Amino acid sequence: MGYLSDEPDYPLMAEAVRSCWELATTPAILEHGTRVVMVNEQTLASEEGMRAYIDSAIDTAFNPIGTARMGAADDEAAVVDQYCGI
């Protein structure tokens, strides 16, 4: 998928991870669990640690080919027909 194929992707992803950490460590979120797994303050403070975490964690979490319903032309619930036409 080309994840992290450009060097500027790493600092952007590190910023996103740090933003998620800030959210995940708020009292309102932490009351539903005991800790955040795989990331800690030492990881967040280290560029090498962040790079290692990002490399290990990045993955596709959705179906990249789509989920549009296919069906006959008279199927009102279908988004496309069997030829990918409307």
PDB file of N, CA and C in Angstrom:
ATOM      1  N   MET A   1       0.808  -1.196   0.000  1.00  0.00           N
ATOM      2  CA  MET A   1       0.000   0.000   0.000  1.00  0.00           C
ATOM      3  C   MET A   1       0.853   1.262   0.000  1.00  0.00           C
ATOM      4  N   GLY A   2       2.153   1.150   0.135  1.00  0.00           N
ATOM      5  CA  GLY A   2       3.013   2.326   0.107  1.00  0.00           C
ATOM      6  C   GLY A   2       3.086   3.070   1.425  1.00  0.00           C
ATOM      7  N   TYR A   3       2.691   2.428   2.524  1.00  0.00           N
ATOM      8  CA  TYR A   3       2.772   3.097   3.812  1.00  0.00           C
ATOM      9  C   TYR A   3       4.211   3.502   4.095  1.00  0.00           C
ATOM     10  N   LEU A   4       4.383   4.712   4.555  1.00  0.00           N
ATOM     11  CA  LEU A   4       5.683   5.226   4.981  1.00  0.00           C
ATOM     12  C   LEU A   4       6.732   5.167   3.882  1.00  0.00           C
ATOM     13  N   SER A   5       6.305   5.253   2.639  1.00  0.00           N
ATOM     14  CA  SER A   5       7.259   5.189   1.531  1.00  0.00           C
ATOM     15  C   SER A   5       8.005   6.507   1.343  1.00  0.00           C
ATOM     16  N   ASP A   6       7.499   7.572   1.921  1.00  0.00           N
ATOM     17  CA  ASP A   6       8.179   8.865   1.890  1.00  0.00           C
ATOM     18  C   ASP A   6       8.626   9.211   3.304  1.00  0.00           C
ATOM     19  N   GLU A   7       9.858   9.643   3.451  1.00  0.00           N
ATOM     20  CA  GLU A   7      10.397   9.952   4.773  1.00  0.00           C
ATOM     21  C   GLU A   7       9.524  10.933   5.560  1.00  0.00           C
ATOM     22  N   PRO A   8       8.911  11.949   4.947  1.00  0.00           N
ATOM     23  CA  PRO A   8       8.040  12.851   5.721  1.00  0.00           C
ATOM     24  C   PRO A   8       6.824  12.163   6.337  1.00  0.00           C
ATOM     25  N   ASP A   9       6.517  10.930   5.926  1.00  0.00           N
ATOM     26  CA  ASP A   9       5.390  10.212   6.519  1.00  0.00           C
ATOM     27  C   ASP A   9       5.624   9.918   8.003  1.00  0.00           C
ATOM     28  N   TYR A  10       6.887   9.664   8.382  1.00  0.00           N
ATOM     29  CA  TYR A  10       7.179   9.290   9.772  1.00  0.00           C
ATOM     30  C   TYR A  10       6.835  10.399  10.764  1.00  0.00           C
ATOM     31  N   PRO A  11       7.298  11.626  10.581  1.00  0.00           N
ATOM     32  CA  PRO A  11       6.937  12.641  11.570  1.00  0.00           C
ATOM     33  C   PRO A  11       5.437  12.918  11.621  1.00  0.00           C
ATOM     34  N   LEU A  12       4.755  12.824  10.492  1.00  0.00           N
ATOM     35  CA  LEU A  12       3.303  13.008  10.493  1.00  0.00           C
ATOM     36  C   LEU A  12       2.617  11.895  11.277  1.00  0.00           C
ATOM     37  N   MET A  13       3.064  10.666  11.072  1.00  0.00           N
ATOM     38  CA  MET A  13       2.478   9.546  11.800  1.00  0.00           C
ATOM     39  C   MET A  13       2.819   9.637  13.286  1.00  0.00           C
ATOM     40  N   ALA A  14       4.041  10.058  13.606  1.00  0.00           N
ATOM     41  CA  ALA A  14       4.423  10.216  15.009  1.00  0.00           C
ATOM     42  C   ALA A  14       3.546  11.266  15.683  1.00  0.00           C
ATOM     43  N   GLU A  15       3.258  12.342  14.989  1.00  0.00           N
ATOM     44  CA  GLU A  15       2.366  13.375  15.528  1.00  0.00           C
ATOM     45  C   GLU A  15       0.967  12.799  15.774  1.00  0.00           C
ATOM     46  N   ALA A  16       0.489  11.984  14.858  1.00  0.00           N
ATOM     47  CA  ALA A  16      -0.827  11.358  15.020  1.00  0.00           C
ATOM     48  C   ALA A  16      -0.839  10.406  16.219  1.00  0.00           C
ATOM     49  N   VAL A  17       0.221   9.625  16.385  1.00  0.00           N
ATOM     50  CA  VAL A  17       0.302   8.704  17.521  1.00  0.00           C
ATOM     51  C   VAL A  17       0.312   9.490  18.822  1.00  0.00           C
ATOM     52  N   ARG A  18       1.072  10.572  18.856  1.00  0.00           N
ATOM     53  CA  ARG A  18       1.120  11.387  20.073  1.00  0.00           C
ATOM     54  C   ARG A  18      -0.243  12.017  20.377  1.00  0.00           C
ATOM     55  N   SER A  19      -0.956  12.441  19.351  1.00  0.00           N
ATOM     56  CA  SER A  19      -2.304  12.987  19.560  1.00  0.00           C
ATOM     57  C   SER A  19      -3.247  11.925  20.107  1.00  0.00           C
ATOM     58  N   CYS A  20      -3.159  10.729  19.574  1.00  0.00           N
ATOM     59  CA  CYS A  20      -3.987   9.629  20.076  1.00  0.00           C
ATOM     60  C   CYS A  20      -3.624   9.299  21.519  1.00  0.00           C
ATOM     61  N   TRP A  21      -2.338   9.342  21.839  1.00  0.00           N
ATOM     62  CA  TRP A  21      -1.889   9.095  23.213  1.00  0.00           C
ATOM     63  C   TRP A  21      -2.519  10.115  24.167  1.00  0.00           C
ATOM     64  N   GLU A  22      -2.504  11.374  23.766  1.00  0.00           N
ATOM     65  CA  GLU A  22      -3.093  12.409  24.619  1.00  0.00           C
ATOM     66  C   GLU A  22      -4.569  12.113  24.885  1.00  0.00           C
ATOM     67  N   LEU A  23      -5.278  11.709  23.864  1.00  0.00           N
ATOM     68  CA  LEU A  23      -6.689  11.368  24.028  1.00  0.00           C
ATOM     69  C   LEU A  23      -6.848  10.115  24.892  1.00  0.00           C
ATOM     70  N   ALA A  24      -6.062   9.090  24.600  1.00  0.00           N
ATOM     71  CA  ALA A  24      -6.201   7.807  25.295  1.00  0.00           C
ATOM     72  C   ALA A  24      -5.828   7.888  26.769  1.00  0.00           C
ATOM     73  N   THR A  25      -5.058   8.879  27.153  1.00  0.00           N
ATOM     74  CA  THR A  25      -4.636   8.986  28.553  1.00  0.00           C
ATOM     75  C   THR A  25      -5.439  10.018  29.336  1.00  0.00           C
ATOM     76  N   THR A  26      -6.540  10.489  28.783  1.00  0.00           N
ATOM     77  CA  THR A  26      -7.410  11.374  29.545  1.00  0.00           C
ATOM     78  C   THR A  26      -8.159  10.538  30.589  1.00  0.00           C
ATOM     79  N   PRO A  27      -8.503  11.137  31.718  1.00  0.00           N
ATOM     80  CA  PRO A  27      -9.220  10.384  32.752  1.00  0.00           C
ATOM     81  C   PRO A  27     -10.504   9.720  32.240  1.00  0.00           C
ATOM     82  N   ALA A  28     -11.236  10.396  31.372  1.00  0.00           N
ATOM     83  CA  ALA A  28     -12.493   9.840  30.869  1.00  0.00           C
ATOM     84  C   ALA A  28     -12.278   8.548  30.086  1.00  0.00           C
ATOM     85  N   ILE A  29     -11.166   8.437  29.395  1.00  0.00           N
ATOM     86  CA  ILE A  29     -10.867   7.214  28.642  1.00  0.00           C
ATOM     87  C   ILE A  29     -10.235   6.175  29.561  1.00  0.00           C
ATOM     88  N   LEU A  30      -9.274   6.589  30.381  1.00  0.00           N
ATOM     89  CA  LEU A  30      -8.582   5.632  31.256  1.00  0.00           C
ATOM     90  C   LEU A  30      -9.499   4.959  32.258  1.00  0.00           C
ATOM     91  N   GLU A  31     -10.633   5.563  32.583  1.00  0.00           N
ATOM     92  CA  GLU A  31     -11.545   4.916  33.528  1.00  0.00           C
ATOM     93  C   GLU A  31     -12.151   3.633  32.959  1.00  0.00           C
ATOM     94  N   HIS A  32     -11.992   3.425  31.648  1.00  0.00           N
ATOM     95  CA  HIS A  32     -12.518   2.220  31.002  1.00  0.00           C
ATOM     96  C   HIS A  32     -11.446   1.156  30.792  1.00  0.00           C
ATOM     97  N   GLY A  33     -10.235   1.408  31.237  1.00  0.00           N
ATOM     98  CA  GLY A  33      -9.145   0.447  31.102  1.00  0.00           C
ATOM     99  C   GLY A  33      -8.070   0.757  32.119  1.00  0.00           C
ATOM    100  N   THR A  34      -7.013  -0.025  32.082  1.00  0.00           N
ATOM    101  CA  THR A  34      -5.956   0.186  33.067  1.00  0.00           C
ATOM    102  C   THR A  34      -4.723   0.858  32.488  1.00  0.00           C
ATOM    103  N   ARG A  35      -4.498   0.677  31.177  1.00  0.00           N
ATOM    104  CA  ARG A  35      -3.319   1.284  30.568  1.00  0.00           C
ATOM    105  C   ARG A  35      -3.423   1.230  29.048  1.00  0.00           C
ATOM    106  N   VAL A  36      -2.585   1.995  28.411  1.00  0.00           N
ATOM    107  CA  VAL A  36      -2.458   1.955  26.953  1.00  0.00           C
ATOM    108  C   VAL A  36      -1.364   0.940  26.647  1.00  0.00           C
ATOM    109  N   VAL A  37      -1.642  -0.002  25.769  1.00  0.00           N
ATOM    110  CA  VAL A  37      -0.658  -1.036  25.459  1.00  0.00           C
ATOM    111  C   VAL A  37       0.231  -0.621  24.301  1.00  0.00           C
ATOM    112  N   MET A  38       1.436  -1.124  24.298  1.00  0.00           N
ATOM    113  CA  MET A  38       2.441  -0.976  23.232  1.00  0.00           C
ATOM    114  C   MET A  38       3.107   0.389  23.168  1.00  0.00           C
ATOM    115  N   VAL A  39       2.525   1.414  23.726  1.00  0.00           N
ATOM    116  CA  VAL A  39       3.136   2.743  23.691  1.00  0.00           C
ATOM    117  C   VAL A  39       3.224   3.238  25.127  1.00  0.00           C
ATOM    118  N   ASN A  40       4.355   3.860  25.441  1.00  0.00           N
ATOM    119  CA  ASN A  40       4.498   4.475  26.753  1.00  0.00           C
ATOM    120  C   ASN A  40       5.225   5.809  26.586  1.00  0.00           C
ATOM    121  N   GLU A  41       5.430   6.499  27.665  1.00  0.00           N
ATOM    122  CA  GLU A  41       6.038   7.824  27.567  1.00  0.00           C
ATOM    123  C   GLU A  41       7.473   7.777  27.043  1.00  0.00           C
ATOM    124  N   GLN A  42       8.194   6.698  27.325  1.00  0.00           N
ATOM    125  CA  GLN A  42       9.555   6.564  26.795  1.00  0.00           C
ATOM    126  C   GLN A  42       9.537   6.416  25.271  1.00  0.00           C
ATOM    127  N   THR A  43       8.574   5.656  24.761  1.00  0.00           N
ATOM    128  CA  THR A  43       8.427   5.504  23.310  1.00  0.00           C
ATOM    129  C   THR A  43       8.114   6.845  22.673  1.00  0.00           C
ATOM    130  N   LEU A  44       7.187   7.575  23.275  1.00  0.00           N
ATOM    131  CA  LEU A  44       6.767   8.869  22.732  1.00  0.00           C
ATOM    132  C   LEU A  44       7.899   9.883  22.726  1.00  0.00           C
ATOM    133  N   ALA A  45       8.819   9.773  23.670  1.00  0.00           N
ATOM    134  CA  ALA A  45       9.915  10.736  23.795  1.00  0.00           C
ATOM    135  C   ALA A  45      11.086  10.422  22.878  1.00  0.00           C
ATOM    136  N   SER A  46      11.083   9.261  22.268  1.00  0.00           N
ATOM    137  CA  SER A  46      12.221   8.814  21.461  1.00  0.00           C
ATOM    138  C   SER A  46      11.840   8.697  19.994  1.00  0.00           C
ATOM    139  N   GLU A  47      12.565   9.392  19.137  1.00  0.00           N
ATOM    140  CA  GLU A  47      12.285   9.262  17.697  1.00  0.00           C
ATOM    141  C   GLU A  47      12.529   7.835  17.218  1.00  0.00           C
ATOM    142  N   GLU A  48      13.572   7.187  17.756  1.00  0.00           N
ATOM    143  CA  GLU A  48      13.838   5.798  17.375  1.00  0.00           C
ATOM    144  C   GLU A  48      12.723   4.881  17.869  1.00  0.00           C
ATOM    145  N   GLY A  49      12.249   5.131  19.086  1.00  0.00           N
ATOM    146  CA  GLY A  49      11.155   4.340  19.632  1.00  0.00           C
ATOM    147  C   GLY A  49       9.876   4.528  18.840  1.00  0.00           C
ATOM    148  N   MET A  50       9.591   5.767  18.457  1.00  0.00           N
ATOM    149  CA  MET A  50       8.405   6.040  17.653  1.00  0.00           C
ATOM    150  C   MET A  50       8.501   5.364  16.295  1.00  0.00           C
ATOM    151  N   ARG A  51       9.670   5.444  15.676  1.00  0.00           N
ATOM    152  CA  ARG A  51       9.842   4.804  14.363  1.00  0.00           C
ATOM    153  C   ARG A  51       9.630   3.299  14.477  1.00  0.00           C
ATOM    154  N   ALA A  52      10.190   2.684  15.512  1.00  0.00           N
ATOM    155  CA  ALA A  52      10.030   1.238  15.699  1.00  0.00           C
ATOM    156  C   ALA A  52       8.563   0.885  15.943  1.00  0.00           C
ATOM    157  N   TYR A  53       7.887   1.680  16.772  1.00  0.00           N
ATOM    158  CA  TYR A  53       6.473   1.417  17.030  1.00  0.00           C
ATOM    159  C   TYR A  53       5.651   1.559  15.750  1.00  0.00           C
ATOM    160  N   ILE A  54       5.864   2.642  15.023  1.00  0.00           N
ATOM    161  CA  ILE A  54       5.107   2.886  13.793  1.00  0.00           C
ATOM    162  C   ILE A  54       5.345   1.765  12.788  1.00  0.00           C
ATOM    163  N   ASP A  55       6.603   1.359  12.620  1.00  0.00           N
ATOM    164  CA  ASP A  55       6.908   0.276  11.690  1.00  0.00           C
ATOM    165  C   ASP A  55       6.198  -1.017  12.077  1.00  0.00           C
ATOM    166  N   SER A  56       6.106  -1.283  13.372  1.00  0.00           N
ATOM    167  CA  SER A  56       5.480  -2.534  13.815  1.00  0.00           C
ATOM    168  C   SER A  56       3.961  -2.475  13.794  1.00  0.00           C
ATOM    169  N   ALA A  57       3.394  -1.284  13.892  1.00  0.00           N
ATOM    170  CA  ALA A  57       1.946  -1.166  14.066  1.00  0.00           C
ATOM    171  C   ALA A  57       1.182  -0.825  12.799  1.00  0.00           C
ATOM    172  N   ILE A  58       1.828  -0.255  11.813  1.00  0.00           N
ATOM    173  CA  ILE A  58       1.082   0.202  10.640  1.00  0.00           C
ATOM    174  C   ILE A  58       0.571  -0.995   9.834  1.00  0.00           C
ATOM    175  N   ASP A  59      -0.697  -0.918   9.470  1.00  0.00           N
ATOM    176  CA  ASP A  59      -1.341  -2.022   8.773  1.00  0.00           C
ATOM    177  C   ASP A  59      -2.663  -1.518   8.186  1.00  0.00           C
ATOM    178  N   THR A  60      -3.190  -2.240   7.276  1.00  0.00           N
ATOM    179  CA  THR A  60      -4.496  -1.912   6.728  1.00  0.00           C
ATOM    180  C   THR A  60      -5.558  -2.467   7.665  1.00  0.00           C
ATOM    181  N   ALA A  61      -6.520  -1.636   7.995  1.00  0.00           N
ATOM    182  CA  ALA A  61      -7.579  -2.055   8.908  1.00  0.00           C
ATOM    183  C   ALA A  61      -8.945  -1.972   8.236  1.00  0.00           C
ATOM    184  N   PHE A  62      -8.955  -2.002   6.929  1.00  0.00           N
ATOM    185  CA  PHE A  62     -10.203  -1.958   6.197  1.00  0.00           C
ATOM    186  C   PHE A  62     -10.019  -2.710   4.890  1.00  0.00           C
ATOM    187  N   ASN A  63     -11.090  -2.947   4.210  1.00  0.00           N
ATOM    188  CA  ASN A  63     -11.055  -3.631   2.937  1.00  0.00           C
ATOM    189  C   ASN A  63     -10.776  -2.593   1.850  1.00  0.00           C
ATOM    190  N   PRO A  64      -9.568  -2.561   1.289  1.00  0.00           N
ATOM    191  CA  PRO A  64      -9.228  -1.489   0.352  1.00  0.00           C
ATOM    192  C   PRO A  64      -9.913  -1.570  -1.004  1.00  0.00           C
ATOM    193  N   ILE A  65     -10.687  -2.613  -1.259  1.00  0.00           N
ATOM    194  CA  ILE A  65     -11.351  -2.701  -2.560  1.00  0.00           C
ATOM    195  C   ILE A  65     -12.781  -2.201  -2.530  1.00  0.00           C
ATOM    196  N   GLY A  66     -13.285  -1.883  -1.370  1.00  0.00           N
ATOM    197  CA  GLY A  66     -14.611  -1.311  -1.274  1.00  0.00           C
ATOM    198  C   GLY A  66     -15.672  -2.314  -0.876  1.00  0.00           C
ATOM    199  N   THR A  67     -16.848  -1.780  -0.576  1.00  0.00           N
ATOM    200  CA  THR A  67     -17.944  -2.637  -0.142  1.00  0.00           C
ATOM    201  C   THR A  67     -19.270  -2.230  -0.780  1.00  0.00           C
ATOM    202  N   ALA A  68     -19.236  -1.585  -1.931  1.00  0.00           N
ATOM    203  CA  ALA A  68     -20.470  -1.180  -2.614  1.00  0.00           C
ATOM    204  C   ALA A  68     -21.241  -2.423  -3.063  1.00  0.00           C
ATOM    205  N   ARG A  69     -22.516  -2.434  -2.781  1.00  0.00           N
ATOM    206  CA  ARG A  69     -23.346  -3.576  -3.150  1.00  0.00           C
ATOM    207  C   ARG A  69     -23.523  -3.641  -4.659  1.00  0.00           C
ATOM    208  N   MET A  70     -23.319  -4.836  -5.217  1.00  0.00           N
ATOM    209  CA  MET A  70     -23.556  -5.065  -6.634  1.00  0.00           C
ATOM    210  C   MET A  70     -24.882  -5.799  -6.779  1.00  0.00           C
ATOM    211  N   GLY A  71     -25.593  -5.528  -7.864  1.00  0.00           N
ATOM    212  CA  GLY A  71     -26.856  -6.219  -8.090  1.00  0.00           C
ATOM    213  C   GLY A  71     -27.429  -5.893  -9.449  1.00  0.00           C
ATOM    214  N   ALA A  72     -28.548  -6.488  -9.705  1.00  0.00           N
ATOM    215  CA  ALA A  72     -29.234  -6.258 -10.981  1.00  0.00           C
ATOM    216  C   ALA A  72     -29.663  -4.803 -11.090  1.00  0.00           C
ATOM    217  N   ALA A  73     -29.874  -4.357 -12.311  1.00  0.00           N
ATOM    218  CA  ALA A  73     -30.245  -2.960 -12.567  1.00  0.00           C
ATOM    219  C   ALA A  73     -31.516  -2.559 -11.832  1.00  0.00           C
ATOM    220  N   ASP A  74     -32.408  -3.492 -11.588  1.00  0.00           N
ATOM    221  CA  ASP A  74     -33.665  -3.154 -10.908  1.00  0.00           C
ATOM    222  C   ASP A  74     -33.578  -3.300  -9.378  1.00  0.00           C
ATOM    223  N   ASP A  75     -32.411  -3.617  -8.857  1.00  0.00           N
ATOM    224  CA  ASP A  75     -32.211  -3.737  -7.406  1.00  0.00           C
ATOM    225  C   ASP A  75     -31.943  -2.351  -6.834  1.00  0.00           C
ATOM    226  N   GLU A  76     -32.926  -1.789  -6.119  1.00  0.00           N
ATOM    227  CA  GLU A  76     -32.798  -0.429  -5.587  1.00  0.00           C
ATOM    228  C   GLU A  76     -31.695  -0.293  -4.549  1.00  0.00           C
ATOM    229  N   ALA A  77     -31.310  -1.381  -3.910  1.00  0.00           N
ATOM    230  CA  ALA A  77     -30.263  -1.336  -2.888  1.00  0.00           C
ATOM    231  C   ALA A  77     -28.864  -1.452  -3.498  1.00  0.00           C
ATOM    232  N   ALA A  78     -28.773  -1.835  -4.767  1.00  0.00           N
ATOM    233  CA  ALA A  78     -27.473  -2.001  -5.414  1.00  0.00           C
ATOM    234  C   ALA A  78     -26.907  -0.631  -5.822  1.00  0.00           C
ATOM    235  N   VAL A  79     -25.606  -0.489  -5.621  1.00  0.00           N
ATOM    236  CA  VAL A  79     -24.934   0.739  -6.009  1.00  0.00           C
ATOM    237  C   VAL A  79     -24.441   0.626  -7.452  1.00  0.00           C
ATOM    238  N   VAL A  80     -23.991  -0.548  -7.828  1.00  0.00           N
ATOM    239  CA  VAL A  80     -23.518  -0.796  -9.196  1.00  0.00           C
ATOM    240  C   VAL A  80     -24.043  -2.132  -9.669  1.00  0.00           C
ATOM    241  N   ASP A  81     -24.063  -2.316 -10.995  1.00  0.00           N
ATOM    242  CA  ASP A  81     -24.466  -3.611 -11.530  1.00  0.00           C
ATOM    243  C   ASP A  81     -23.231  -4.508 -11.656  1.00  0.00           C
ATOM    244  N   GLN A  82     -23.422  -5.683 -12.234  1.00  0.00           N
ATOM    245  CA  GLN A  82     -22.316  -6.642 -12.327  1.00  0.00           C
ATOM    246  C   GLN A  82     -21.175  -6.161 -13.227  1.00  0.00           C
ATOM    247  N   TYR A  83     -21.375  -5.069 -13.957  1.00  0.00           N
ATOM    248  CA  TYR A  83     -20.338  -4.498 -14.807  1.00  0.00           C
ATOM    249  C   TYR A  83     -19.753  -3.217 -14.210  1.00  0.00           C
ATOM    250  N   CYS A  84     -20.120  -2.959 -12.959  1.00  0.00           N
ATOM    251  CA  CYS A  84     -19.698  -1.741 -12.245  1.00  0.00           C
ATOM    252  C   CYS A  84     -20.307  -0.491 -12.848  1.00  0.00           C
ATOM    253  N   GLY A  85     -21.390  -0.659 -13.556  1.00  0.00           N
ATOM    254  CA  GLY A  85     -22.127   0.488 -14.086  1.00  0.00           C
ATOM    255  C   GLY A  85     -23.208   0.903 -13.106  1.00  0.00           C
ATOM    256  N   ILE A  86     -23.800   2.012 -13.378  1.00  0.00           N
ATOM    257  CA  ILE A  86     -24.851   2.536 -12.490  1.00  0.00           C
ATOM    258  C   ILE A  86     -26.189   1.944 -12.856  1.00  0.00           C
TER     259      ILE A  86
END
